[in-house]
Amino acid sequence: MMRYQKGYNNVMRSNRYRPILIILLVLLVAFLIMRFTGVGSLDTGNFESQRNARIRSEMQHAMSSTNSLSRLGATTTSSVLSRVRQYVHGIEVVNDLNVGMYGEVGRLYTTDIFDNIYSIIDTYEACLASGQKVNDPLNNLTVAINDLNSKTNILLNNVSATDAP
């Protein structure tokens, strides 16, 4: 009788783990299906379209704000300069986000482009504060923003690389 009970207990123990293994197997299969279909992962196409829309918007605002700057140093010039800085910073943030997502190969713009624009804006503000002429900083800012715009157009495939100046 002892033998029979011993054998019966062993069979029962091995059957106890079967439902747990089946549940784990079903969960693993479900996880793999979701992983390979893209559930919970980055939708690259959507990310790129949102990124491009944000860059395009920030660039258009920066261009229009730069074009509205006065050569005479009007009273609103300081606030317009701060908006230009804000829009350029927005483009820089999107650039940094893209680097964060894709690594260094995802860099859209080099940092020296932004550093140059910020230094021109600082020079412009210093000329405004001291009452000096703002023609040179305004021309430099316009050239730098136009250069950023042409790089943006190439980036967003609005202009092919051969059509760029």
N, C-alpha and C. Protein backbone atom coordinates (compact mmCIF):
# COMPACT_ATOMS: atom_id res chain seq x y z
N MET A 1 0.80 -1.17 0.00
CA MET A 1 0.00 0.00 0.00
C MET A 1 0.86 1.26 0.00
N MET A 2 1.98 1.18 0.66
CA MET A 2 2.89 2.30 0.69
C MET A 2 3.38 2.67 -0.70
N ARG A 3 3.66 1.69 -1.46
CA ARG A 3 4.15 1.95 -2.81
C ARG A 3 3.14 2.72 -3.64
N TYR A 4 1.93 2.33 -3.51
CA TYR A 4 0.88 2.96 -4.31
C TYR A 4 0.72 4.43 -3.94
N GLN A 5 0.76 4.76 -2.66
CA GLN A 5 0.63 6.13 -2.23
C GLN A 5 1.83 6.95 -2.68
N LYS A 6 2.98 6.38 -2.60
CA LYS A 6 4.18 7.11 -2.99
C LYS A 6 4.11 7.46 -4.48
N GLY A 7 3.74 6.51 -5.30
CA GLY A 7 3.62 6.76 -6.72
C GLY A 7 2.53 7.76 -7.05
N TYR A 8 1.46 7.70 -6.33
CA TYR A 8 0.33 8.60 -6.55
C TYR A 8 0.72 10.03 -6.20
N ASN A 9 1.47 10.26 -5.15
CA ASN A 9 1.89 11.61 -4.76
C ASN A 9 2.84 12.19 -5.80
N ASN A 10 3.73 11.36 -6.34
CA ASN A 10 4.64 11.88 -7.36
C ASN A 10 3.89 12.32 -8.61
N VAL A 11 2.91 11.57 -9.01
CA VAL A 11 2.12 11.94 -10.18
C VAL A 11 1.37 13.23 -9.91
N MET A 12 0.84 13.41 -8.75
CA MET A 12 0.10 14.61 -8.41
C MET A 12 1.01 15.83 -8.39
N ARG A 13 2.21 15.70 -7.90
CA ARG A 13 3.13 16.84 -7.86
C ARG A 13 3.49 17.29 -9.27
N SER A 14 3.71 16.36 -10.17
CA SER A 14 4.08 16.75 -11.53
C SER A 14 2.91 17.40 -12.25
N ASN A 15 1.72 17.03 -11.96
CA ASN A 15 0.55 17.64 -12.59
C ASN A 15 0.23 19.02 -12.01
N ARG A 16 0.72 19.31 -10.85
CA ARG A 16 0.49 20.60 -10.21
C ARG A 16 1.15 21.74 -10.99
N TYR A 17 2.29 21.51 -11.58
CA TYR A 17 3.04 22.55 -12.27
C TYR A 17 2.60 22.76 -13.72
N ARG A 18 1.87 21.83 -14.25
CA ARG A 18 1.45 21.92 -15.65
C ARG A 18 0.60 23.18 -15.91
N PRO A 19 -0.42 23.53 -15.12
CA PRO A 19 -1.20 24.76 -15.38
C PRO A 19 -0.35 26.02 -15.26
N ILE A 20 0.58 26.02 -14.33
CA ILE A 20 1.47 27.19 -14.18
C ILE A 20 2.34 27.35 -15.41
N LEU A 21 2.89 26.24 -15.91
CA LEU A 21 3.71 26.30 -17.11
C LEU A 21 2.89 26.73 -18.32
N ILE A 22 1.67 26.28 -18.42
CA ILE A 22 0.81 26.67 -19.54
C ILE A 22 0.50 28.16 -19.48
N ILE A 23 0.20 28.66 -18.29
CA ILE A 23 -0.07 30.10 -18.14
C ILE A 23 1.16 30.92 -18.50
N LEU A 24 2.32 30.51 -18.02
CA LEU A 24 3.56 31.22 -18.35
C LEU A 24 3.84 31.19 -19.86
N LEU A 25 3.59 30.07 -20.48
CA LEU A 25 3.79 29.95 -21.92
C LEU A 25 2.83 30.86 -22.68
N VAL A 26 1.58 30.93 -22.25
CA VAL A 26 0.60 31.81 -22.91
C VAL A 26 1.00 33.27 -22.73
N LEU A 27 1.44 33.65 -21.55
CA LEU A 27 1.90 35.02 -21.32
C LEU A 27 3.12 35.36 -22.17
N LEU A 28 4.04 34.44 -22.28
CA LEU A 28 5.23 34.65 -23.11
C LEU A 28 4.84 34.84 -24.58
N VAL A 29 3.95 34.01 -25.07
CA VAL A 29 3.50 34.13 -26.46
C VAL A 29 2.79 35.47 -26.67
N ALA A 30 1.94 35.87 -25.73
CA ALA A 30 1.23 37.14 -25.84
C ALA A 30 2.22 38.31 -25.84
N PHE A 31 3.22 38.24 -24.97
CA PHE A 31 4.23 39.29 -24.93
C PHE A 31 4.99 39.38 -26.25
N LEU A 32 5.38 38.25 -26.80
CA LEU A 32 6.13 38.25 -28.06
C LEU A 32 5.28 38.77 -29.21
N ILE A 33 4.00 38.42 -29.22
CA ILE A 33 3.12 38.94 -30.28
C ILE A 33 3.01 40.45 -30.18
N MET A 34 2.81 40.97 -28.97
CA MET A 34 2.71 42.42 -28.79
C MET A 34 4.03 43.12 -29.13
N ARG A 35 5.11 42.52 -28.77
CA ARG A 35 6.42 43.12 -29.04
C ARG A 35 6.69 43.23 -30.53
N PHE A 36 6.38 42.20 -31.28
CA PHE A 36 6.67 42.22 -32.71
C PHE A 36 5.63 42.98 -33.52
N THR A 37 4.46 43.23 -32.97
CA THR A 37 3.47 44.03 -33.69
C THR A 37 3.61 45.51 -33.35
N GLY A 38 4.44 45.85 -32.40
CA GLY A 38 4.71 47.25 -32.12
C GLY A 38 3.89 47.84 -31.00
N VAL A 39 3.13 47.06 -30.27
CA VAL A 39 2.34 47.58 -29.16
C VAL A 39 3.29 48.04 -28.07
N GLY A 40 3.13 49.30 -27.67
CA GLY A 40 3.95 49.85 -26.61
C GLY A 40 5.31 50.32 -27.05
N SER A 41 5.57 50.34 -28.33
CA SER A 41 6.87 50.82 -28.79
C SER A 41 6.68 52.12 -29.56
N LEU A 42 7.77 52.71 -29.97
CA LEU A 42 7.76 53.98 -30.67
C LEU A 42 7.26 53.81 -32.10
N ASP A 43 6.28 54.61 -32.47
CA ASP A 43 5.81 54.64 -33.85
C ASP A 43 6.68 55.65 -34.59
N THR A 44 7.66 55.16 -35.31
CA THR A 44 8.66 56.01 -35.93
C THR A 44 8.04 57.00 -36.92
N GLY A 45 7.10 56.53 -37.71
CA GLY A 45 6.47 57.41 -38.69
C GLY A 45 5.73 58.55 -38.03
N ASN A 46 5.00 58.26 -36.97
CA ASN A 46 4.27 59.30 -36.26
C ASN A 46 5.24 60.26 -35.58
N PHE A 47 6.29 59.73 -34.97
CA PHE A 47 7.28 60.59 -34.32
C PHE A 47 7.92 61.55 -35.31
N GLU A 48 8.30 61.03 -36.47
CA GLU A 48 8.95 61.89 -37.46
C GLU A 48 8.00 62.94 -38.02
N SER A 49 6.75 62.60 -38.23
CA SER A 49 5.81 63.60 -38.74
C SER A 49 5.54 64.67 -37.69
N GLN A 50 5.43 64.28 -36.42
CA GLN A 50 5.25 65.26 -35.35
C GLN A 50 6.50 66.14 -35.20
N ARG A 51 7.66 65.51 -35.28
CA ARG A 51 8.92 66.27 -35.19
C ARG A 51 9.03 67.27 -36.32
N ASN A 52 8.75 66.84 -37.54
CA ASN A 52 8.85 67.73 -38.70
C ASN A 52 7.84 68.86 -38.62
N ALA A 53 6.63 68.57 -38.14
CA ALA A 53 5.62 69.62 -38.01
C ALA A 53 6.07 70.66 -36.98
N ARG A 54 6.66 70.21 -35.88
CA ARG A 54 7.13 71.14 -34.84
C ARG A 54 8.29 71.98 -35.35
N ILE A 55 9.23 71.35 -36.04
CA ILE A 55 10.37 72.10 -36.59
C ILE A 55 9.87 73.13 -37.61
N ARG A 56 8.97 72.72 -38.48
CA ARG A 56 8.44 73.63 -39.50
C ARG A 56 7.74 74.83 -38.85
N SER A 57 6.95 74.56 -37.83
CA SER A 57 6.23 75.63 -37.14
C SER A 57 7.20 76.60 -36.46
N GLU A 58 8.17 76.07 -35.72
CA GLU A 58 9.14 76.91 -35.03
C GLU A 58 9.96 77.73 -36.03
N MET A 59 10.32 77.12 -37.15
CA MET A 59 11.10 77.83 -38.15
C MET A 59 10.30 78.96 -38.79
N GLN A 60 9.04 78.72 -39.09
CA GLN A 60 8.20 79.77 -39.68
C GLN A 60 8.03 80.94 -38.72
N HIS A 61 7.84 80.63 -37.43
CA HIS A 61 7.71 81.70 -36.44
C HIS A 61 9.02 82.48 -36.30
N ALA A 62 10.14 81.79 -36.31
CA ALA A 62 11.43 82.47 -36.20
C ALA A 62 11.67 83.37 -37.42
N MET A 63 11.33 82.86 -38.59
CA MET A 63 11.50 83.68 -39.81
C MET A 63 10.62 84.92 -39.77
N SER A 64 9.35 84.76 -39.44
CA SER A 64 8.45 85.92 -39.44
C SER A 64 8.85 86.92 -38.35
N SER A 65 9.29 86.43 -37.20
CA SER A 65 9.73 87.34 -36.14
C SER A 65 10.99 88.09 -36.54
N THR A 66 11.92 87.40 -37.18
CA THR A 66 13.15 88.06 -37.64
C THR A 66 12.83 89.11 -38.70
N ASN A 67 11.92 88.80 -39.60
CA ASN A 67 11.56 89.75 -40.65
C ASN A 67 10.80 90.96 -40.11
N SER A 68 10.22 90.84 -38.92
CA SER A 68 9.49 91.97 -38.34
C SER A 68 10.38 92.87 -37.49
N LEU A 69 11.66 92.51 -37.32
CA LEU A 69 12.56 93.35 -36.53
C LEU A 69 12.81 94.67 -37.25
N SER A 70 12.94 95.72 -36.47
CA SER A 70 13.13 97.05 -37.02
C SER A 70 14.61 97.43 -37.03
N ARG A 71 15.00 98.11 -38.06
CA ARG A 71 16.38 98.61 -38.13
C ARG A 71 16.57 99.83 -37.23
N LEU A 72 15.50 100.42 -36.80
CA LEU A 72 15.58 101.62 -35.97
C LEU A 72 15.59 101.30 -34.47
N GLY A 73 15.45 100.05 -34.12
CA GLY A 73 15.46 99.69 -32.71
C GLY A 73 14.19 100.14 -32.01
N ALA A 74 13.06 99.73 -32.53
CA ALA A 74 11.77 100.12 -31.96
C ALA A 74 11.62 99.55 -30.55
N THR A 75 10.59 100.02 -29.85
CA THR A 75 10.39 99.60 -28.46
C THR A 75 10.03 98.12 -28.35
N THR A 76 9.49 97.53 -29.40
CA THR A 76 9.10 96.12 -29.34
C THR A 76 10.23 95.19 -29.77
N THR A 77 11.35 95.76 -30.18
CA THR A 77 12.45 94.95 -30.71
C THR A 77 12.96 93.94 -29.69
N SER A 78 13.05 94.34 -28.44
CA SER A 78 13.55 93.43 -27.41
C SER A 78 12.63 92.22 -27.24
N SER A 79 11.33 92.45 -27.26
CA SER A 79 10.40 91.33 -27.11
C SER A 79 10.41 90.43 -28.35
N VAL A 80 10.58 91.04 -29.54
CA VAL A 80 10.66 90.24 -30.76
C VAL A 80 11.93 89.39 -30.75
N LEU A 81 13.04 89.96 -30.28
CA LEU A 81 14.29 89.20 -30.17
C LEU A 81 14.13 88.01 -29.22
N SER A 82 13.42 88.23 -28.13
CA SER A 82 13.23 87.12 -27.19
C SER A 82 12.35 86.03 -27.82
N ARG A 83 11.40 86.41 -28.67
CA ARG A 83 10.61 85.40 -29.38
C ARG A 83 11.46 84.63 -30.38
N VAL A 84 12.35 85.34 -31.08
CA VAL A 84 13.24 84.66 -32.03
C VAL A 84 14.09 83.64 -31.27
N ARG A 85 14.62 84.05 -30.12
CA ARG A 85 15.42 83.14 -29.29
C ARG A 85 14.58 81.94 -28.86
N GLN A 86 13.33 82.19 -28.50
CA GLN A 86 12.43 81.12 -28.07
C GLN A 86 12.19 80.13 -29.19
N TYR A 87 11.95 80.61 -30.41
CA TYR A 87 11.67 79.71 -31.53
C TYR A 87 12.92 78.92 -31.93
N VAL A 88 14.06 79.56 -31.90
CA VAL A 88 15.31 78.86 -32.20
C VAL A 88 15.59 77.81 -31.12
N HIS A 89 15.29 78.16 -29.87
CA HIS A 89 15.47 77.20 -28.79
C HIS A 89 14.51 76.01 -28.97
N GLY A 90 13.31 76.27 -29.47
CA GLY A 90 12.37 75.19 -29.74
C GLY A 90 12.93 74.21 -30.76
N ILE A 91 13.56 74.73 -31.79
CA ILE A 91 14.19 73.86 -32.80
C ILE A 91 15.34 73.08 -32.18
N GLU A 92 16.10 73.75 -31.31
CA GLU A 92 17.22 73.07 -30.65
C GLU A 92 16.72 71.95 -29.73
N VAL A 93 15.60 72.18 -29.05
CA VAL A 93 15.04 71.15 -28.16
C VAL A 93 14.60 69.93 -28.98
N VAL A 94 13.96 70.17 -30.12
CA VAL A 94 13.55 69.06 -30.98
C VAL A 94 14.79 68.31 -31.49
N ASN A 95 15.83 69.05 -31.82
CA ASN A 95 17.09 68.44 -32.25
C ASN A 95 17.66 67.55 -31.14
N ASP A 96 17.66 68.06 -29.90
CA ASP A 96 18.16 67.28 -28.77
C ASP A 96 17.29 66.06 -28.51
N LEU A 97 15.99 66.21 -28.68
CA LEU A 97 15.09 65.07 -28.51
C LEU A 97 15.38 64.00 -29.55
N ASN A 98 15.63 64.42 -30.78
CA ASN A 98 15.95 63.47 -31.84
C ASN A 98 17.27 62.75 -31.54
N VAL A 99 18.24 63.47 -31.00
CA VAL A 99 19.50 62.84 -30.60
C VAL A 99 19.24 61.85 -29.47
N GLY A 100 18.35 62.21 -28.55
CA GLY A 100 18.01 61.30 -27.46
C GLY A 100 17.33 60.03 -27.96
N MET A 101 16.54 60.14 -29.01
CA MET A 101 15.82 58.99 -29.54
C MET A 101 16.72 58.09 -30.38
N TYR A 102 17.54 58.69 -31.24
CA TYR A 102 18.30 57.91 -32.22
C TYR A 102 19.79 57.90 -31.98
N GLY A 103 20.26 58.61 -30.98
CA GLY A 103 21.70 58.70 -30.76
C GLY A 103 22.30 59.80 -31.62
N GLU A 104 23.59 59.84 -31.66
CA GLU A 104 24.29 60.92 -32.37
C GLU A 104 23.99 60.94 -33.86
N VAL A 105 23.64 59.81 -34.44
CA VAL A 105 23.29 59.78 -35.87
C VAL A 105 21.98 60.50 -36.13
N GLY A 106 21.19 60.75 -35.08
CA GLY A 106 19.92 61.45 -35.24
C GLY A 106 20.04 62.95 -35.15
N ARG A 107 21.26 63.46 -35.02
CA ARG A 107 21.44 64.92 -34.92
C ARG A 107 21.01 65.57 -36.24
N LEU A 108 20.09 66.52 -36.14
CA LEU A 108 19.57 67.20 -37.32
C LEU A 108 20.40 68.44 -37.64
N TYR A 109 20.82 69.15 -36.60
CA TYR A 109 21.60 70.38 -36.76
C TYR A 109 22.82 70.29 -35.84
N THR A 110 23.90 70.93 -36.25
CA THR A 110 25.07 70.99 -35.38
C THR A 110 24.85 72.08 -34.34
N THR A 111 25.52 71.95 -33.20
CA THR A 111 25.31 72.91 -32.12
C THR A 111 25.88 74.28 -32.44
N ASP A 112 26.87 74.35 -33.34
CA ASP A 112 27.44 75.66 -33.65
C ASP A 112 26.44 76.57 -34.36
N ILE A 113 25.45 76.02 -35.04
CA ILE A 113 24.41 76.83 -35.68
C ILE A 113 23.64 77.60 -34.60
N PHE A 114 23.25 76.89 -33.55
CA PHE A 114 22.49 77.53 -32.48
C PHE A 114 23.35 78.49 -31.68
N ASP A 115 24.59 78.10 -31.42
CA ASP A 115 25.50 78.99 -30.68
C ASP A 115 25.71 80.30 -31.43
N ASN A 116 25.85 80.21 -32.75
CA ASN A 116 26.03 81.40 -33.57
C ASN A 116 24.80 82.32 -33.48
N ILE A 117 23.61 81.74 -33.60
CA ILE A 117 22.39 82.55 -33.55
C ILE A 117 22.24 83.20 -32.18
N TYR A 118 22.50 82.45 -31.12
CA TYR A 118 22.39 83.02 -29.77
C TYR A 118 23.39 84.15 -29.55
N SER A 119 24.60 84.00 -30.06
CA SER A 119 25.60 85.07 -29.89
C SER A 119 25.20 86.31 -30.69
N ILE A 120 24.61 86.13 -31.86
CA ILE A 120 24.13 87.28 -32.65
C ILE A 120 23.00 87.98 -31.90
N ILE A 121 22.09 87.22 -31.32
CA ILE A 121 20.99 87.83 -30.56
C ILE A 121 21.54 88.58 -29.35
N ASP A 122 22.54 88.01 -28.67
CA ASP A 122 23.15 88.71 -27.53
C ASP A 122 23.80 90.02 -27.97
N THR A 123 24.50 89.99 -29.11
CA THR A 123 25.11 91.20 -29.64
C THR A 123 24.05 92.23 -30.00
N TYR A 124 22.99 91.77 -30.62
CA TYR A 124 21.87 92.65 -30.99
C TYR A 124 21.29 93.33 -29.74
N GLU A 125 21.05 92.54 -28.69
CA GLU A 125 20.50 93.10 -27.45
C GLU A 125 21.46 94.07 -26.80
N ALA A 126 22.77 93.78 -26.87
CA ALA A 126 23.76 94.70 -26.30
C ALA A 126 23.76 96.01 -27.06
N CYS A 127 23.63 95.96 -28.39
CA CYS A 127 23.56 97.19 -29.19
C CYS A 127 22.30 97.98 -28.86
N LEU A 128 21.21 97.30 -28.66
CA LEU A 128 19.97 97.98 -28.27
C LEU A 128 20.12 98.66 -26.93
N ALA A 129 20.72 97.97 -25.96
CA ALA A 129 20.86 98.51 -24.61
C ALA A 129 21.78 99.72 -24.58
N SER A 130 22.81 99.71 -25.43
CA SER A 130 23.76 100.82 -25.42
C SER A 130 23.40 101.91 -26.42
N GLY A 131 22.36 101.70 -27.20
CA GLY A 131 21.92 102.72 -28.16
C GLY A 131 22.73 102.75 -29.44
N GLN A 132 23.49 101.71 -29.73
CA GLN A 132 24.27 101.66 -30.96
C GLN A 132 23.40 101.23 -32.13
N LYS A 133 23.96 101.36 -33.33
CA LYS A 133 23.25 100.93 -34.52
C LYS A 133 23.07 99.41 -34.49
N VAL A 134 21.95 98.97 -35.00
CA VAL A 134 21.65 97.54 -34.98
C VAL A 134 21.67 96.94 -36.38
N ASN A 135 22.15 97.69 -37.36
CA ASN A 135 22.14 97.20 -38.74
C ASN A 135 22.95 95.92 -38.91
N ASP A 136 24.18 95.91 -38.40
CA ASP A 136 25.03 94.73 -38.57
C ASP A 136 24.48 93.50 -37.84
N PRO A 137 24.10 93.63 -36.57
CA PRO A 137 23.52 92.44 -35.93
C PRO A 137 22.24 91.97 -36.59
N LEU A 138 21.43 92.90 -37.08
CA LEU A 138 20.20 92.51 -37.76
C LEU A 138 20.51 91.77 -39.05
N ASN A 139 21.47 92.27 -39.81
CA ASN A 139 21.86 91.57 -41.04
C ASN A 139 22.42 90.19 -40.74
N ASN A 140 23.28 90.10 -39.71
CA ASN A 140 23.86 88.80 -39.33
C ASN A 140 22.78 87.83 -38.86
N LEU A 141 21.82 88.33 -38.09
CA LEU A 141 20.73 87.48 -37.62
C LEU A 141 19.87 87.00 -38.79
N THR A 142 19.58 87.89 -39.71
CA THR A 142 18.78 87.51 -40.88
C THR A 142 19.49 86.44 -41.70
N VAL A 143 20.79 86.60 -41.90
CA VAL A 143 21.56 85.60 -42.64
C VAL A 143 21.57 84.26 -41.90
N ALA A 144 21.78 84.30 -40.58
CA ALA A 144 21.83 83.06 -39.79
C ALA A 144 20.47 82.35 -39.78
N ILE A 145 19.39 83.10 -39.66
CA ILE A 145 18.06 82.50 -39.66
C ILE A 145 17.73 81.95 -41.05
N ASN A 146 18.12 82.68 -42.10
CA ASN A 146 17.90 82.16 -43.46
C ASN A 146 18.71 80.89 -43.71
N ASP A 147 19.92 80.83 -43.17
CA ASP A 147 20.74 79.62 -43.29
C ASP A 147 20.08 78.45 -42.55
N LEU A 148 19.58 78.71 -41.35
CA LEU A 148 18.86 77.67 -40.60
C LEU A 148 17.61 77.24 -41.36
N ASN A 149 16.92 78.19 -41.98
CA ASN A 149 15.73 77.86 -42.76
C ASN A 149 16.07 76.99 -43.96
N SER A 150 17.15 77.30 -44.66
CA SER A 150 17.52 76.48 -45.82
C SER A 150 17.92 75.07 -45.38
N LYS A 151 18.64 74.96 -44.25
CA LYS A 151 18.97 73.63 -43.72
C LYS A 151 17.70 72.88 -43.32
N THR A 152 16.75 73.59 -42.77
CA THR A 152 15.48 72.97 -42.37
C THR A 152 14.72 72.50 -43.59
N ASN A 153 14.69 73.31 -44.64
CA ASN A 153 14.00 72.90 -45.87
C ASN A 153 14.63 71.66 -46.48
N ILE A 154 15.94 71.60 -46.47
CA ILE A 154 16.62 70.40 -46.97
C ILE A 154 16.28 69.20 -46.09
N LEU A 155 16.30 69.43 -44.78
CA LEU A 155 16.00 68.36 -43.83
C LEU A 155 14.58 67.82 -44.02
N LEU A 156 13.64 68.69 -44.23
CA LEU A 156 12.25 68.29 -44.34
C LEU A 156 11.87 67.90 -45.76
N ASN A 157 12.86 67.79 -46.64
CA ASN A 157 12.66 67.38 -48.03
C ASN A 157 11.76 68.32 -48.81
N ASN A 158 11.73 69.61 -48.40
CA ASN A 158 10.99 70.59 -49.20
C ASN A 158 11.82 71.02 -50.40
N VAL A 159 13.11 70.98 -50.23
CA VAL A 159 14.04 71.35 -51.28
C VAL A 159 15.08 70.24 -51.36
N SER A 160 15.40 69.80 -52.54
CA SER A 160 16.43 68.77 -52.64
C SER A 160 17.79 69.40 -52.39
N ALA A 161 18.75 68.58 -52.08
CA ALA A 161 20.10 69.07 -51.76
C ALA A 161 20.73 69.78 -52.94
N THR A 162 20.32 69.47 -54.17
CA THR A 162 20.92 70.13 -55.32
C THR A 162 20.32 71.50 -55.56
N ASP A 163 19.10 71.77 -55.05
CA ASP A 163 18.47 73.07 -55.23
C ASP A 163 18.88 74.06 -54.17
N ALA A 164 19.54 73.61 -53.13
CA ALA A 164 19.92 74.50 -52.03
C ALA A 164 21.02 75.44 -52.49
N PRO A 165 20.99 76.67 -51.95
CA PRO A 165 22.04 77.64 -52.33
C PRO A 165 23.38 77.29 -51.74
